[in-house]
């Protein structure tokens, strides 16, 4: 195998940078999931409005109900974690002063 130490270090540094992008700010992942879930809900609402047959309407309504529940849980987690991180940041700022 032709991996010398220099190439392996460059590769691991780029992978660590990619991972650090997501886990440096934990709320970033929740924000992305909320945006994705919101886009899916709007698409399904559009599909529900455009549906003509009764079985399509019922199945889309059931799917939307489950998506609303998942969206609610994501928003609730986002609000709680946002408050927790703002509290920890404010308490660490007070300790420094």
C-alpha atoms as a PDB file:
ATOM      1  CA  UNK A   1       0.000   0.000   0.000  1.00  0.00           C
ATOM      2  CA  UNK A   2       1.351   3.381  -0.963  1.00  0.00           C
ATOM      3  CA  UNK A   3       0.078   5.396   1.966  1.00  0.00           C
ATOM      4  CA  UNK A   4       2.857   7.310   3.606  1.00  0.00           C
ATOM      5  CA  UNK A   5       2.310   9.228   6.821  1.00  0.00           C
ATOM      6  CA  UNK A   6       1.927  12.560   5.048  1.00  0.00           C
ATOM      7  CA  UNK A   7      -0.982  11.442   2.853  1.00  0.00           C
ATOM      8  CA  UNK A   8      -2.775   9.703   5.708  1.00  0.00           C
ATOM      9  CA  UNK A   9      -2.511  12.809   7.911  1.00  0.00           C
ATOM     10  CA  UNK A  10      -3.995  14.977   5.146  1.00  0.00           C
ATOM     11  CA  UNK A  11      -6.881  12.555   4.690  1.00  0.00           C
ATOM     12  CA  UNK A  12      -7.652  12.289   8.403  1.00  0.00           C
ATOM     13  CA  UNK A  13      -7.459  16.069   8.772  1.00  0.00           C
ATOM     14  CA  UNK A  14     -10.049  16.580   6.036  1.00  0.00           C
ATOM     15  CA  UNK A  15     -12.347  13.935   7.525  1.00  0.00           C
ATOM     16  CA  UNK A  16     -12.004  15.498  10.985  1.00  0.00           C
ATOM     17  CA  UNK A  17     -12.855  18.885   9.491  1.00  0.00           C
ATOM     18  CA  UNK A  18     -16.013  17.482   7.903  1.00  0.00           C
ATOM     19  CA  UNK A  19     -17.099  15.829  11.137  1.00  0.00           C
ATOM     20  CA  UNK A  20     -16.240  18.935  13.132  1.00  0.00           C
ATOM     21  CA  UNK A  21     -18.534  20.974  10.841  1.00  0.00           C
ATOM     22  CA  UNK A  22     -21.558  18.978  12.028  1.00  0.00           C
ATOM     23  CA  UNK A  23     -20.644  18.457  15.674  1.00  0.00           C
ATOM     24  CA  UNK A  24     -19.014  21.805  16.411  1.00  0.00           C
ATOM     25  CA  UNK A  25     -22.503  23.313  16.817  1.00  0.00           C
ATOM     26  CA  UNK A  26     -24.988  20.568  17.771  1.00  0.00           C
ATOM     27  CA  UNK A  27     -28.032  22.666  16.862  1.00  0.00           C
ATOM     28  CA  UNK A  28     -26.877  22.692  13.232  1.00  0.00           C
ATOM     29  CA  UNK A  29     -28.002  19.087  12.740  1.00  0.00           C
ATOM     30  CA  UNK A  30     -31.414  19.798  14.265  1.00  0.00           C
ATOM     31  CA  UNK A  31     -31.826  22.874  12.062  1.00  0.00           C
ATOM     32  CA  UNK A  32     -31.062  20.816   8.945  1.00  0.00           C
ATOM     33  CA  UNK A  33     -33.550  18.129  10.002  1.00  0.00           C
ATOM     34  CA  UNK A  34     -36.239  20.748  10.654  1.00  0.00           C
ATOM     35  CA  UNK A  35     -35.706  22.292   7.215  1.00  0.00           C
ATOM     36  CA  UNK A  36     -35.831  18.874   5.564  1.00  0.00           C
ATOM     37  CA  UNK A  37     -38.978  17.864   7.454  1.00  0.00           C
ATOM     38  CA  UNK A  38     -40.656  21.201   6.681  1.00  0.00           C
ATOM     39  CA  UNK A  39     -39.900  20.826   2.969  1.00  0.00           C
ATOM     40  CA  UNK A  40     -41.339  17.312   3.022  1.00  0.00           C
ATOM     41  CA  UNK A  41     -44.509  18.541   4.744  1.00  0.00           C
ATOM     42  CA  UNK A  42     -45.017  21.302   2.169  1.00  0.00           C
ATOM     43  CA  UNK A  43     -44.520  18.842  -0.676  1.00  0.00           C
ATOM     44  CA  UNK A  44     -47.033  16.449   0.850  1.00  0.00           C
ATOM     45  CA  UNK A  45     -49.527  19.270   1.390  1.00  0.00           C
ATOM     46  CA  UNK A  46     -49.152  20.171  -2.272  1.00  0.00           C
ATOM     47  CA  UNK A  47     -49.687  16.532  -3.232  1.00  0.00           C
ATOM     48  CA  UNK A  48     -52.746  16.403  -0.969  1.00  0.00           C
ATOM     49  CA  UNK A  49     -54.240  19.457  -2.665  1.00  0.00           C
ATOM     50  CA  UNK A  50     -53.590  18.002  -6.127  1.00  0.00           C
ATOM     51  CA  UNK A  51     -54.916  14.511  -5.340  1.00  0.00           C
ATOM     52  CA  UNK A  52     -58.193  13.569  -7.030  1.00  0.00           C
ATOM     53  CA  UNK A  53     -58.978  10.111  -5.646  1.00  0.00           C
ATOM     54  CA  UNK A  54     -60.255   9.434  -2.144  1.00  0.00           C
ATOM     55  CA  UNK A  55     -57.691   6.749  -1.306  1.00  0.00           C
ATOM     56  CA  UNK A  56     -54.835   9.118  -2.185  1.00  0.00           C
ATOM     57  CA  UNK A  57     -56.326  11.785   0.056  1.00  0.00           C
ATOM     58  CA  UNK A  58     -56.695   9.429   3.017  1.00  0.00           C
ATOM     59  CA  UNK A  59     -53.194   7.979   2.688  1.00  0.00           C
ATOM     60  CA  UNK A  60     -51.584  11.417   2.323  1.00  0.00           C
ATOM     61  CA  UNK A  61     -53.549  12.716   5.309  1.00  0.00           C
ATOM     62  CA  UNK A  62     -52.273   9.842   7.463  1.00  0.00           C
ATOM     63  CA  UNK A  63     -48.710  10.406   6.314  1.00  0.00           C
ATOM     64  CA  UNK A  64     -49.018  14.125   7.010  1.00  0.00           C
ATOM     65  CA  UNK A  65     -50.278  13.415  10.510  1.00  0.00           C
ATOM     66  CA  UNK A  66     -47.162  11.385  11.273  1.00  0.00           C
ATOM     67  CA  UNK A  67     -44.947  14.061   9.716  1.00  0.00           C
ATOM     68  CA  UNK A  68     -46.594  16.767  11.819  1.00  0.00           C
ATOM     69  CA  UNK A  69     -45.810  14.724  14.911  1.00  0.00           C
ATOM     70  CA  UNK A  70     -42.158  14.270  13.882  1.00  0.00           C
ATOM     71  CA  UNK A  71     -41.928  17.994  13.057  1.00  0.00           C
ATOM     72  CA  UNK A  72     -43.385  18.875  16.468  1.00  0.00           C
ATOM     73  CA  UNK A  73     -40.849  16.658  18.246  1.00  0.00           C
ATOM     74  CA  UNK A  74     -37.945  18.167  16.263  1.00  0.00           C
ATOM     75  CA  UNK A  75     -39.072  21.718  17.049  1.00  0.00           C
ATOM     76  CA  UNK A  76     -39.539  20.866  20.723  1.00  0.00           C
ATOM     77  CA  UNK A  77     -36.042  19.364  20.915  1.00  0.00           C
ATOM     78  CA  UNK A  78     -34.620  22.376  19.084  1.00  0.00           C
ATOM     79  CA  UNK A  79     -36.217  24.821  21.528  1.00  0.00           C
ATOM     80  CA  UNK A  80     -35.100  22.870  24.604  1.00  0.00           C
ATOM     81  CA  UNK A  81     -31.529  22.383  23.355  1.00  0.00           C
ATOM     82  CA  UNK A  82     -31.327  26.007  22.230  1.00  0.00           C
ATOM     83  CA  UNK A  83     -32.242  27.159  25.722  1.00  0.00           C
ATOM     84  CA  UNK A  84     -29.843  24.683  27.311  1.00  0.00           C
ATOM     85  CA  UNK A  85     -26.921  25.809  25.144  1.00  0.00           C
ATOM     86  CA  UNK A  86     -27.699  29.490  25.653  1.00  0.00           C
ATOM     87  CA  UNK A  87     -27.803  28.882  29.421  1.00  0.00           C
ATOM     88  CA  UNK A  88     -24.457  27.051  29.363  1.00  0.00           C
ATOM     89  CA  UNK A  89     -22.899  29.812  27.240  1.00  0.00           C
ATOM     90  CA  UNK A  90     -24.179  32.554  29.551  1.00  0.00           C
ATOM     91  CA  UNK A  91     -22.978  30.731  32.665  1.00  0.00           C
ATOM     92  CA  UNK A  92     -19.531  30.181  31.157  1.00  0.00           C
ATOM     93  CA  UNK A  93     -19.358  33.876  30.216  1.00  0.00           C
ATOM     94  CA  UNK A  94     -20.176  34.819  33.822  1.00  0.00           C
ATOM     95  CA  UNK A  95     -17.438  32.515  35.145  1.00  0.00           C
ATOM     96  CA  UNK A  96     -14.856  34.216  32.916  1.00  0.00           C
ATOM     97  CA  UNK A  97     -15.758  37.721  34.178  1.00  0.00           C
END
